[in-house]
Amino acid sequence: MPLDEPVTRECLHSRSIICNGYLRSDGLWDIEARLVDTKTYDFSNQDRGGHIKAGEALHDLSLRVTLDSNMVIQHAESVSDETPYNYCKQAGQNIASLTGLQIAPGWMRKVRQRIGGKHGCTHLTELLKTIATTAFQTMSYERRKNQDKETSPRLLDTCMSYASDSPVIKRDWPDVYSGDKST
């Protein structure tokens, strides 16, 4: 179902984020993300020859995280093909410091401690949240394949569908359903 028809408007900025998850032949998992920012107008930029043309990437950033089956980072790398400032390209060097972290509760707090603020790039940090979600979605394939239906969903009370009183929980996990049981 589409959004309501908007009023007449002009697009000025576009951000594209693509994130893919892969099962590797060695049993590890690669999660790759790419962020591209473009504008629909030319604008001045001292570090990129004086200007950036309409449609030319302001940011073109790629990030790969390799995980084991426990969602522990085995390797992390990034490439900044286009950035607004030459100095930005150095921010990706700190991505390797994520090796050893586990995607689990507190993940983004630990990421910000290692590569946040003046130690990294805001946009690469943002991509790591998307990478975590994509990792979970990618690796759920293997978890579902290798285990029987769980007695309680891992995502209980994390969204409307997984709320302990939702119709989904009532149907799929009646033992943990907390809503009205009379219907």
N, C-alpha and C. Protein backbone atom coordinates (compact mmCIF):
# COMPACT_ATOMS: atom_id res chain seq x y z
N MET A 1 0.85 -1.16 0.00
CA MET A 1 0.00 0.00 0.00
C MET A 1 0.91 1.24 0.00
N PRO A 2 0.77 2.09 -1.00
CA PRO A 2 1.66 3.25 -1.09
C PRO A 2 1.31 4.35 -0.09
N LEU A 3 2.25 5.25 0.11
CA LEU A 3 2.01 6.43 0.92
C LEU A 3 1.01 7.34 0.21
N ASP A 4 0.42 8.26 0.95
CA ASP A 4 -0.47 9.24 0.35
C ASP A 4 0.29 10.05 -0.69
N GLU A 5 -0.43 10.56 -1.69
CA GLU A 5 0.17 11.40 -2.72
C GLU A 5 0.71 12.67 -2.07
N PRO A 6 2.00 12.98 -2.27
CA PRO A 6 2.57 14.18 -1.63
C PRO A 6 2.20 15.45 -2.41
N VAL A 7 2.41 16.58 -1.78
CA VAL A 7 2.29 17.85 -2.48
C VAL A 7 3.45 17.97 -3.46
N THR A 8 3.36 18.88 -4.40
CA THR A 8 4.43 19.09 -5.35
C THR A 8 5.71 19.42 -4.59
N ARG A 9 6.80 18.78 -4.98
CA ARG A 9 8.05 18.95 -4.26
C ARG A 9 9.24 18.69 -5.17
N GLU A 10 10.42 19.01 -4.71
CA GLU A 10 11.65 18.83 -5.46
C GLU A 10 12.63 18.02 -4.61
N CYS A 11 13.12 16.93 -5.14
CA CYS A 11 14.11 16.11 -4.43
C CYS A 11 15.45 16.84 -4.45
N LEU A 12 16.06 16.98 -3.29
CA LEU A 12 17.36 17.64 -3.18
C LEU A 12 18.48 16.69 -2.77
N HIS A 13 18.14 15.64 -2.05
CA HIS A 13 19.15 14.73 -1.52
C HIS A 13 18.61 13.30 -1.57
N SER A 14 19.49 12.37 -1.86
CA SER A 14 19.12 10.96 -1.88
C SER A 14 20.19 10.16 -1.14
N ARG A 15 19.75 9.29 -0.26
CA ARG A 15 20.65 8.37 0.43
C ARG A 15 20.19 6.96 0.11
N SER A 16 21.10 6.18 -0.39
CA SER A 16 20.82 4.78 -0.71
C SER A 16 21.69 3.91 0.20
N ILE A 17 21.04 2.97 0.88
CA ILE A 17 21.76 2.01 1.71
C ILE A 17 21.37 0.62 1.24
N ILE A 18 22.36 -0.16 0.90
CA ILE A 18 22.15 -1.55 0.50
C ILE A 18 22.96 -2.40 1.46
N CYS A 19 22.34 -3.46 1.97
CA CYS A 19 23.03 -4.34 2.91
C CYS A 19 22.69 -5.78 2.55
N ASN A 20 23.69 -6.61 2.39
CA ASN A 20 23.50 -8.01 2.03
C ASN A 20 24.24 -8.92 3.00
N GLY A 21 23.66 -10.09 3.24
CA GLY A 21 24.28 -11.09 4.11
C GLY A 21 24.62 -12.34 3.34
N TYR A 22 25.78 -12.92 3.62
CA TYR A 22 26.28 -14.09 2.89
C TYR A 22 26.77 -15.16 3.86
N LEU A 23 26.49 -16.41 3.54
CA LEU A 23 27.10 -17.55 4.22
C LEU A 23 28.32 -17.94 3.41
N ARG A 24 29.49 -17.92 4.03
CA ARG A 24 30.73 -18.22 3.34
C ARG A 24 30.99 -19.72 3.31
N SER A 25 31.85 -20.15 2.40
CA SER A 25 32.18 -21.57 2.27
C SER A 25 32.93 -22.10 3.49
N ASP A 26 33.54 -21.22 4.29
CA ASP A 26 34.26 -21.66 5.50
C ASP A 26 33.39 -21.65 6.75
N GLY A 27 32.07 -21.41 6.57
CA GLY A 27 31.14 -21.43 7.70
C GLY A 27 30.97 -20.10 8.41
N LEU A 28 31.76 -19.10 8.04
CA LEU A 28 31.59 -17.77 8.60
C LEU A 28 30.56 -17.01 7.78
N TRP A 29 30.22 -15.82 8.24
CA TRP A 29 29.19 -15.00 7.61
C TRP A 29 29.78 -13.64 7.26
N ASP A 30 29.52 -13.16 6.05
CA ASP A 30 29.90 -11.80 5.66
C ASP A 30 28.64 -10.97 5.55
N ILE A 31 28.66 -9.81 6.17
CA ILE A 31 27.58 -8.84 6.04
C ILE A 31 28.22 -7.60 5.43
N GLU A 32 27.71 -7.18 4.27
CA GLU A 32 28.26 -6.04 3.56
C GLU A 32 27.22 -4.95 3.41
N ALA A 33 27.65 -3.73 3.62
CA ALA A 33 26.75 -2.58 3.48
C ALA A 33 27.43 -1.51 2.65
N ARG A 34 26.60 -0.78 1.91
CA ARG A 34 27.10 0.35 1.13
C ARG A 34 26.13 1.51 1.29
N LEU A 35 26.68 2.69 1.53
CA LEU A 35 25.90 3.92 1.67
C LEU A 35 26.37 4.90 0.60
N VAL A 36 25.41 5.44 -0.16
CA VAL A 36 25.72 6.44 -1.18
C VAL A 36 24.78 7.63 -0.99
N ASP A 37 25.37 8.82 -0.82
CA ASP A 37 24.62 10.07 -0.74
C ASP A 37 24.87 10.87 -2.01
N THR A 38 23.79 11.38 -2.61
CA THR A 38 23.90 12.27 -3.77
C THR A 38 22.97 13.46 -3.59
N LYS A 39 23.28 14.51 -4.30
CA LYS A 39 22.43 15.70 -4.31
C LYS A 39 22.01 15.97 -5.75
N THR A 40 20.93 16.70 -5.93
CA THR A 40 20.41 16.97 -7.27
C THR A 40 20.91 18.30 -7.82
N TYR A 41 21.89 18.88 -7.18
CA TYR A 41 22.43 20.17 -7.60
C TYR A 41 23.94 20.18 -7.38
N ASP A 42 24.63 21.00 -8.15
CA ASP A 42 26.07 21.18 -7.95
C ASP A 42 26.30 22.01 -6.69
N PHE A 43 27.39 21.75 -6.00
CA PHE A 43 27.75 22.59 -4.85
C PHE A 43 29.26 22.62 -4.68
N SER A 44 29.74 23.65 -4.03
CA SER A 44 31.19 23.83 -3.89
C SER A 44 31.75 22.87 -2.84
N ASN A 45 32.98 22.45 -3.10
CA ASN A 45 33.68 21.56 -2.17
C ASN A 45 35.17 21.71 -2.41
N GLN A 46 35.87 22.22 -1.44
CA GLN A 46 37.29 22.52 -1.57
C GLN A 46 38.14 21.27 -1.76
N ASP A 47 37.78 20.18 -1.12
CA ASP A 47 38.62 18.97 -1.16
C ASP A 47 38.41 18.11 -2.41
N ARG A 48 37.41 18.40 -3.18
CA ARG A 48 37.12 17.57 -4.35
C ARG A 48 37.20 18.39 -5.65
N GLY A 49 38.23 19.21 -5.76
CA GLY A 49 38.45 19.96 -6.99
C GLY A 49 37.58 21.19 -7.13
N GLY A 50 37.01 21.67 -6.06
CA GLY A 50 36.24 22.90 -6.10
C GLY A 50 34.74 22.74 -6.09
N HIS A 51 34.26 21.59 -6.58
CA HIS A 51 32.80 21.38 -6.56
C HIS A 51 32.47 19.89 -6.71
N ILE A 52 31.26 19.57 -6.34
CA ILE A 52 30.70 18.23 -6.56
C ILE A 52 29.48 18.44 -7.43
N LYS A 53 29.41 17.71 -8.54
CA LYS A 53 28.32 17.87 -9.50
C LYS A 53 27.06 17.15 -9.03
N ALA A 54 25.93 17.62 -9.51
CA ALA A 54 24.65 16.96 -9.24
C ALA A 54 24.74 15.49 -9.64
N GLY A 55 24.27 14.61 -8.77
CA GLY A 55 24.28 13.18 -9.05
C GLY A 55 25.58 12.47 -8.70
N GLU A 56 26.63 13.23 -8.47
CA GLU A 56 27.92 12.66 -8.09
C GLU A 56 27.87 12.35 -6.59
N ALA A 57 28.44 11.24 -6.20
CA ALA A 57 28.36 10.83 -4.79
C ALA A 57 29.11 11.78 -3.87
N LEU A 58 28.42 12.26 -2.86
CA LEU A 58 29.05 13.00 -1.76
C LEU A 58 29.73 11.99 -0.83
N HIS A 59 29.00 10.93 -0.50
CA HIS A 59 29.53 9.79 0.24
C HIS A 59 29.33 8.54 -0.60
N ASP A 60 30.33 7.69 -0.65
CA ASP A 60 30.21 6.34 -1.20
C ASP A 60 31.08 5.47 -0.30
N LEU A 61 30.42 4.84 0.67
CA LEU A 61 31.11 4.11 1.74
C LEU A 61 30.69 2.65 1.72
N SER A 62 31.64 1.76 1.87
CA SER A 62 31.35 0.33 1.94
C SER A 62 31.97 -0.24 3.21
N LEU A 63 31.29 -1.24 3.75
CA LEU A 63 31.70 -1.83 5.02
C LEU A 63 31.41 -3.33 4.97
N ARG A 64 32.37 -4.13 5.40
CA ARG A 64 32.16 -5.58 5.50
C ARG A 64 32.55 -6.04 6.89
N VAL A 65 31.68 -6.85 7.48
CA VAL A 65 31.93 -7.45 8.79
C VAL A 65 31.82 -8.96 8.60
N THR A 66 32.81 -9.70 9.07
CA THR A 66 32.79 -11.16 9.04
C THR A 66 32.50 -11.65 10.45
N LEU A 67 31.49 -12.52 10.56
CA LEU A 67 31.03 -13.01 11.86
C LEU A 67 31.13 -14.52 11.95
N ASP A 68 31.29 -15.01 13.19
CA ASP A 68 31.11 -16.45 13.41
C ASP A 68 29.64 -16.69 13.76
N SER A 69 29.28 -17.93 14.02
CA SER A 69 27.87 -18.26 14.29
C SER A 69 27.35 -17.70 15.60
N ASN A 70 28.23 -17.21 16.47
CA ASN A 70 27.82 -16.55 17.71
C ASN A 70 27.75 -15.04 17.55
N MET A 71 27.84 -14.57 16.31
CA MET A 71 27.79 -13.14 15.98
C MET A 71 28.96 -12.36 16.57
N VAL A 72 30.10 -13.02 16.69
CA VAL A 72 31.32 -12.35 17.12
C VAL A 72 32.10 -11.95 15.86
N ILE A 73 32.52 -10.70 15.81
CA ILE A 73 33.23 -10.18 14.64
C ILE A 73 34.62 -10.79 14.57
N GLN A 74 34.90 -11.41 13.44
CA GLN A 74 36.20 -12.00 13.17
C GLN A 74 37.09 -11.06 12.37
N HIS A 75 36.44 -10.20 11.57
CA HIS A 75 37.17 -9.25 10.72
C HIS A 75 36.21 -8.13 10.35
N ALA A 76 36.72 -6.92 10.25
CA ALA A 76 35.91 -5.78 9.82
C ALA A 76 36.78 -4.86 8.98
N GLU A 77 36.21 -4.39 7.87
CA GLU A 77 36.95 -3.47 7.01
C GLU A 77 35.98 -2.52 6.33
N SER A 78 36.51 -1.37 5.93
CA SER A 78 35.68 -0.40 5.22
C SER A 78 36.51 0.28 4.15
N VAL A 79 35.79 0.82 3.16
CA VAL A 79 36.40 1.60 2.10
C VAL A 79 35.55 2.85 1.92
N SER A 80 36.20 3.99 1.85
CA SER A 80 35.51 5.25 1.60
C SER A 80 35.93 5.74 0.22
N ASP A 81 35.16 5.35 -0.81
CA ASP A 81 35.51 5.74 -2.17
C ASP A 81 35.28 7.22 -2.42
N GLU A 82 34.23 7.76 -1.85
CA GLU A 82 33.96 9.20 -1.97
C GLU A 82 33.58 9.74 -0.60
N THR A 83 34.18 10.86 -0.25
CA THR A 83 33.87 11.56 1.01
C THR A 83 33.93 13.06 0.73
N PRO A 84 33.27 13.87 1.54
CA PRO A 84 33.31 15.31 1.30
C PRO A 84 34.67 15.94 1.62
N TYR A 85 35.42 15.32 2.51
CA TYR A 85 36.74 15.83 2.90
C TYR A 85 37.75 14.69 2.77
N ASN A 86 38.94 15.01 2.29
CA ASN A 86 39.97 13.99 2.15
C ASN A 86 40.27 13.32 3.49
N TYR A 87 40.24 14.09 4.56
CA TYR A 87 40.56 13.58 5.89
C TYR A 87 39.59 12.48 6.33
N CYS A 88 38.35 12.50 5.82
CA CYS A 88 37.33 11.50 6.20
C CYS A 88 37.80 10.07 5.92
N LYS A 89 38.60 9.91 4.88
CA LYS A 89 38.99 8.55 4.47
C LYS A 89 39.77 7.82 5.55
N GLN A 90 40.38 8.55 6.48
CA GLN A 90 41.13 7.93 7.56
C GLN A 90 40.22 7.25 8.59
N ALA A 91 38.97 7.66 8.65
CA ALA A 91 38.05 7.13 9.68
C ALA A 91 37.87 5.63 9.58
N GLY A 92 37.94 5.10 8.38
CA GLY A 92 37.75 3.67 8.19
C GLY A 92 38.83 2.80 8.81
N GLN A 93 39.98 3.39 9.10
CA GLN A 93 41.07 2.62 9.69
C GLN A 93 40.69 2.06 11.06
N ASN A 94 39.79 2.73 11.75
CA ASN A 94 39.40 2.28 13.09
C ASN A 94 38.37 1.14 13.07
N ILE A 95 37.82 0.83 11.92
CA ILE A 95 36.80 -0.22 11.82
C ILE A 95 37.36 -1.56 12.30
N ALA A 96 38.62 -1.83 12.02
CA ALA A 96 39.23 -3.10 12.44
C ALA A 96 39.18 -3.29 13.95
N SER A 97 39.07 -2.20 14.71
CA SER A 97 39.02 -2.32 16.17
C SER A 97 37.73 -2.98 16.66
N LEU A 98 36.78 -3.20 15.76
CA LEU A 98 35.54 -3.89 16.14
C LEU A 98 35.74 -5.40 16.25
N THR A 99 36.85 -5.92 15.75
CA THR A 99 37.12 -7.35 15.82
C THR A 99 37.06 -7.81 17.28
N GLY A 100 36.30 -8.89 17.50
CA GLY A 100 36.13 -9.42 18.85
C GLY A 100 34.82 -9.02 19.50
N LEU A 101 34.18 -7.95 19.00
CA LEU A 101 32.87 -7.56 19.56
C LEU A 101 31.79 -8.53 19.11
N GLN A 102 30.79 -8.69 19.94
CA GLN A 102 29.65 -9.54 19.60
C GLN A 102 28.43 -8.66 19.35
N ILE A 103 27.70 -8.98 18.29
CA ILE A 103 26.43 -8.31 18.04
C ILE A 103 25.44 -8.91 19.02
N ALA A 104 25.12 -8.14 20.04
CA ALA A 104 24.27 -8.58 21.15
C ALA A 104 23.79 -7.31 21.85
N PRO A 105 22.95 -7.44 22.88
CA PRO A 105 22.54 -6.24 23.61
C PRO A 105 23.76 -5.40 24.03
N GLY A 106 23.67 -4.09 23.82
CA GLY A 106 24.77 -3.19 24.11
C GLY A 106 25.74 -3.00 22.95
N TRP A 107 25.45 -3.64 21.84
CA TRP A 107 26.31 -3.60 20.65
C TRP A 107 26.64 -2.18 20.21
N MET A 108 25.64 -1.34 20.00
CA MET A 108 25.90 0.00 19.48
C MET A 108 26.64 0.88 20.50
N ARG A 109 26.41 0.66 21.77
CA ARG A 109 27.16 1.40 22.80
C ARG A 109 28.65 1.07 22.69
N LYS A 110 28.96 -0.21 22.52
CA LYS A 110 30.36 -0.63 22.39
C LYS A 110 30.97 -0.11 21.09
N VAL A 111 30.18 -0.10 20.02
CA VAL A 111 30.65 0.44 18.75
C VAL A 111 31.02 1.91 18.92
N ARG A 112 30.13 2.69 19.53
CA ARG A 112 30.39 4.13 19.72
C ARG A 112 31.62 4.36 20.60
N GLN A 113 31.85 3.48 21.58
CA GLN A 113 33.04 3.63 22.43
C GLN A 113 34.32 3.46 21.61
N ARG A 114 34.28 2.55 20.64
CA ARG A 114 35.48 2.26 19.87
C ARG A 114 35.68 3.18 18.67
N ILE A 115 34.60 3.49 17.96
CA ILE A 115 34.76 4.25 16.71
C ILE A 115 33.83 5.45 16.61
N GLY A 116 33.18 5.82 17.69
CA GLY A 116 32.25 6.94 17.66
C GLY A 116 32.92 8.29 17.79
N GLY A 117 32.14 9.33 17.57
CA GLY A 117 32.63 10.69 17.74
C GLY A 117 33.86 10.98 16.92
N LYS A 118 34.85 11.57 17.52
CA LYS A 118 36.05 11.99 16.80
C LYS A 118 36.96 10.82 16.40
N HIS A 119 36.58 9.60 16.76
CA HIS A 119 37.39 8.43 16.43
C HIS A 119 36.91 7.72 15.16
N GLY A 120 35.90 8.27 14.52
CA GLY A 120 35.38 7.57 13.36
C GLY A 120 34.50 8.43 12.48
N CYS A 121 33.63 7.78 11.77
CA CYS A 121 32.73 8.42 10.81
C CYS A 121 31.29 8.12 11.21
N THR A 122 30.50 9.17 11.35
CA THR A 122 29.09 9.02 11.73
C THR A 122 28.37 8.04 10.81
N HIS A 123 28.65 8.14 9.52
CA HIS A 123 27.91 7.34 8.54
C HIS A 123 28.30 5.86 8.62
N LEU A 124 29.58 5.57 8.84
CA LEU A 124 29.99 4.18 9.03
C LEU A 124 29.38 3.61 10.31
N THR A 125 29.33 4.43 11.36
CA THR A 125 28.71 3.99 12.61
C THR A 125 27.23 3.69 12.39
N GLU A 126 26.54 4.54 11.64
CA GLU A 126 25.13 4.29 11.32
C GLU A 126 24.95 2.98 10.55
N LEU A 127 25.86 2.70 9.63
CA LEU A 127 25.77 1.46 8.85
C LEU A 127 25.88 0.22 9.73
N LEU A 128 26.58 0.32 10.83
CA LEU A 128 26.75 -0.84 11.70
C LEU A 128 25.45 -1.28 12.35
N LYS A 129 24.53 -0.37 12.56
CA LYS A 129 23.21 -0.76 13.07
C LYS A 129 22.47 -1.57 12.00
N THR A 130 22.56 -1.12 10.76
CA THR A 130 21.95 -1.85 9.64
C THR A 130 22.62 -3.20 9.46
N ILE A 131 23.93 -3.25 9.62
CA ILE A 131 24.66 -4.51 9.51
C ILE A 131 24.19 -5.49 10.57
N ALA A 132 23.97 -5.02 11.79
CA ALA A 132 23.50 -5.91 12.87
C ALA A 132 22.15 -6.51 12.53
N THR A 133 21.23 -5.68 12.05
CA THR A 133 19.90 -6.18 11.68
C THR A 133 20.00 -7.18 10.54
N THR A 134 20.83 -6.86 9.55
CA THR A 134 21.00 -7.76 8.41
C THR A 134 21.66 -9.07 8.85
N ALA A 135 22.60 -9.00 9.77
CA ALA A 135 23.23 -10.22 10.29
C ALA A 135 22.20 -11.11 10.95
N PHE A 136 21.35 -10.52 11.76
CA PHE A 136 20.32 -11.31 12.43
C PHE A 136 19.41 -11.97 11.41
N GLN A 137 18.96 -11.20 10.41
CA GLN A 137 18.07 -11.75 9.39
C GLN A 137 18.77 -12.84 8.57
N THR A 138 20.04 -12.63 8.24
CA THR A 138 20.80 -13.60 7.45
C THR A 138 21.02 -14.89 8.23
N MET A 139 21.45 -14.76 9.47
CA MET A 139 21.80 -15.94 10.26
C MET A 139 20.59 -16.67 10.80
N SER A 140 19.42 -16.05 10.76
CA SER A 140 18.21 -16.74 11.21
C SER A 140 17.91 -17.92 10.30
N TYR A 141 18.34 -17.86 9.06
CA TYR A 141 18.17 -18.97 8.12
C TYR A 141 18.82 -20.23 8.69
N GLU A 142 20.04 -20.11 9.15
CA GLU A 142 20.77 -21.25 9.69
C GLU A 142 20.18 -21.72 11.02
N ARG A 143 19.81 -20.75 11.87
CA ARG A 143 19.21 -21.12 13.15
C ARG A 143 17.91 -21.88 12.94
N ARG A 144 17.09 -21.42 12.03
CA ARG A 144 15.81 -22.09 11.77
C ARG A 144 16.03 -23.48 11.19
N LYS A 145 17.05 -23.61 10.35
CA LYS A 145 17.34 -24.88 9.72
C LYS A 145 17.83 -25.91 10.73
N ASN A 146 18.57 -25.45 11.74
CA ASN A 146 19.23 -26.36 12.67
C ASN A 146 18.55 -26.58 14.01
N GLN A 147 17.42 -25.94 14.26
CA GLN A 147 16.79 -26.14 15.56
C GLN A 147 15.28 -26.22 15.43
N ASP A 148 14.69 -26.91 16.36
CA ASP A 148 13.24 -26.99 16.41
C ASP A 148 12.68 -25.64 16.81
N LYS A 149 11.39 -25.52 16.70
CA LYS A 149 10.74 -24.27 17.09
C LYS A 149 11.06 -23.97 18.56
N GLU A 150 11.50 -22.75 18.81
CA GLU A 150 11.86 -22.35 20.16
C GLU A 150 10.63 -22.32 21.06
N THR A 151 10.86 -22.52 22.35
CA THR A 151 9.75 -22.45 23.30
C THR A 151 9.33 -21.01 23.55
N SER A 152 10.21 -20.05 23.26
CA SER A 152 9.91 -18.63 23.41
C SER A 152 10.74 -17.87 22.38
N PRO A 153 10.14 -16.92 21.67
CA PRO A 153 10.93 -16.20 20.67
C PRO A 153 11.98 -15.31 21.31
N ARG A 154 13.15 -15.24 20.68
CA ARG A 154 14.24 -14.40 21.19
C ARG A 154 13.88 -12.92 21.17
N LEU A 155 12.93 -12.57 20.33
CA LEU A 155 12.57 -11.16 20.17
C LEU A 155 11.33 -10.77 20.96
N LEU A 156 10.97 -11.56 21.96
CA LEU A 156 9.77 -11.27 22.74
C LEU A 156 9.79 -9.84 23.27
N ASP A 157 8.70 -9.12 23.02
CA ASP A 157 8.49 -7.73 23.46
C ASP A 157 9.45 -6.72 22.83
N THR A 158 9.97 -7.02 21.63
CA THR A 158 10.83 -6.05 20.94
C THR A 158 10.10 -5.25 19.87
N CYS A 159 8.88 -5.65 19.53
CA CYS A 159 8.08 -4.91 18.55
C CYS A 159 6.62 -5.35 18.71
N MET A 160 5.73 -4.75 17.92
CA MET A 160 4.30 -5.06 18.05
C MET A 160 4.00 -6.54 17.81
N SER A 161 4.57 -7.11 16.74
CA SER A 161 4.27 -8.50 16.42
C SER A 161 4.80 -9.48 17.45
N TYR A 162 5.93 -9.13 18.07
CA TYR A 162 6.51 -10.00 19.10
C TYR A 162 6.11 -9.59 20.52
N ALA A 163 5.15 -8.68 20.65
CA ALA A 163 4.65 -8.31 21.99
C ALA A 163 4.03 -9.55 22.62
N SER A 164 4.23 -9.73 23.90
CA SER A 164 3.76 -10.95 24.57
C SER A 164 2.24 -11.11 24.50
N ASP A 165 1.51 -10.03 24.18
CA ASP A 165 0.05 -10.12 24.07
C ASP A 165 -0.44 -10.00 22.63
N SER A 166 0.45 -10.21 21.64
CA SER A 166 0.06 -10.07 20.23
C SER A 166 -0.57 -11.36 19.69
N PRO A 167 -1.32 -11.25 18.60
CA PRO A 167 -1.89 -12.45 17.98
C PRO A 167 -0.82 -13.40 17.45
N VAL A 168 0.34 -12.89 17.06
CA VAL A 168 1.43 -13.74 16.57
C VAL A 168 1.93 -14.64 17.70
N ILE A 169 2.16 -14.06 18.87
CA ILE A 169 2.63 -14.84 20.02
C ILE A 169 1.55 -15.82 20.47
N LYS A 170 0.31 -15.37 20.46
CA LYS A 170 -0.80 -16.26 20.85
C LYS A 170 -0.83 -17.49 19.94
N ARG A 171 -0.64 -17.28 18.65
CA ARG A 171 -0.69 -18.37 17.68
C ARG A 171 0.55 -19.28 17.75
N ASP A 172 1.75 -18.67 17.78
CA ASP A 172 2.98 -19.44 17.63
C ASP A 172 3.65 -19.86 18.94
N TRP A 173 3.42 -19.11 20.01
CA TRP A 173 4.02 -19.40 21.31
C TRP A 173 2.97 -19.22 22.41
N PRO A 174 1.92 -20.01 22.39
CA PRO A 174 0.83 -19.80 23.35
C PRO A 174 1.27 -19.90 24.81
N ASP A 175 2.34 -20.63 25.08
CA ASP A 175 2.80 -20.77 26.47
C ASP A 175 3.32 -19.47 27.06
N VAL A 176 3.78 -18.53 26.22
CA VAL A 176 4.28 -17.26 26.73
C VAL A 176 3.32 -16.10 26.45
N TYR A 177 2.18 -16.41 25.85
CA TYR A 177 1.19 -15.38 25.54
C TYR A 177 0.64 -14.79 26.84
N SER A 178 0.60 -13.45 26.93
CA SER A 178 0.16 -12.79 28.16
C SER A 178 -1.16 -12.04 27.99
N GLY A 179 -1.74 -12.10 26.81
CA GLY A 179 -2.98 -11.36 26.57
C GLY A 179 -4.20 -12.13 27.04
N ASP A 180 -5.35 -11.65 26.62
CA ASP A 180 -6.63 -12.25 26.98
C ASP A 180 -6.72 -13.66 26.39
N LYS A 181 -6.77 -14.66 27.22
CA LYS A 181 -6.79 -16.05 26.76
C LYS A 181 -8.21 -16.58 26.57
N SER A 182 -9.20 -15.73 26.82
CA SER A 182 -10.59 -16.19 26.70
C SER A 182 -11.08 -16.18 25.26
N THR A 183 -10.35 -15.54 24.35
CA THR A 183 -10.80 -15.49 22.95
C THR A 183 -10.08 -16.47 22.08
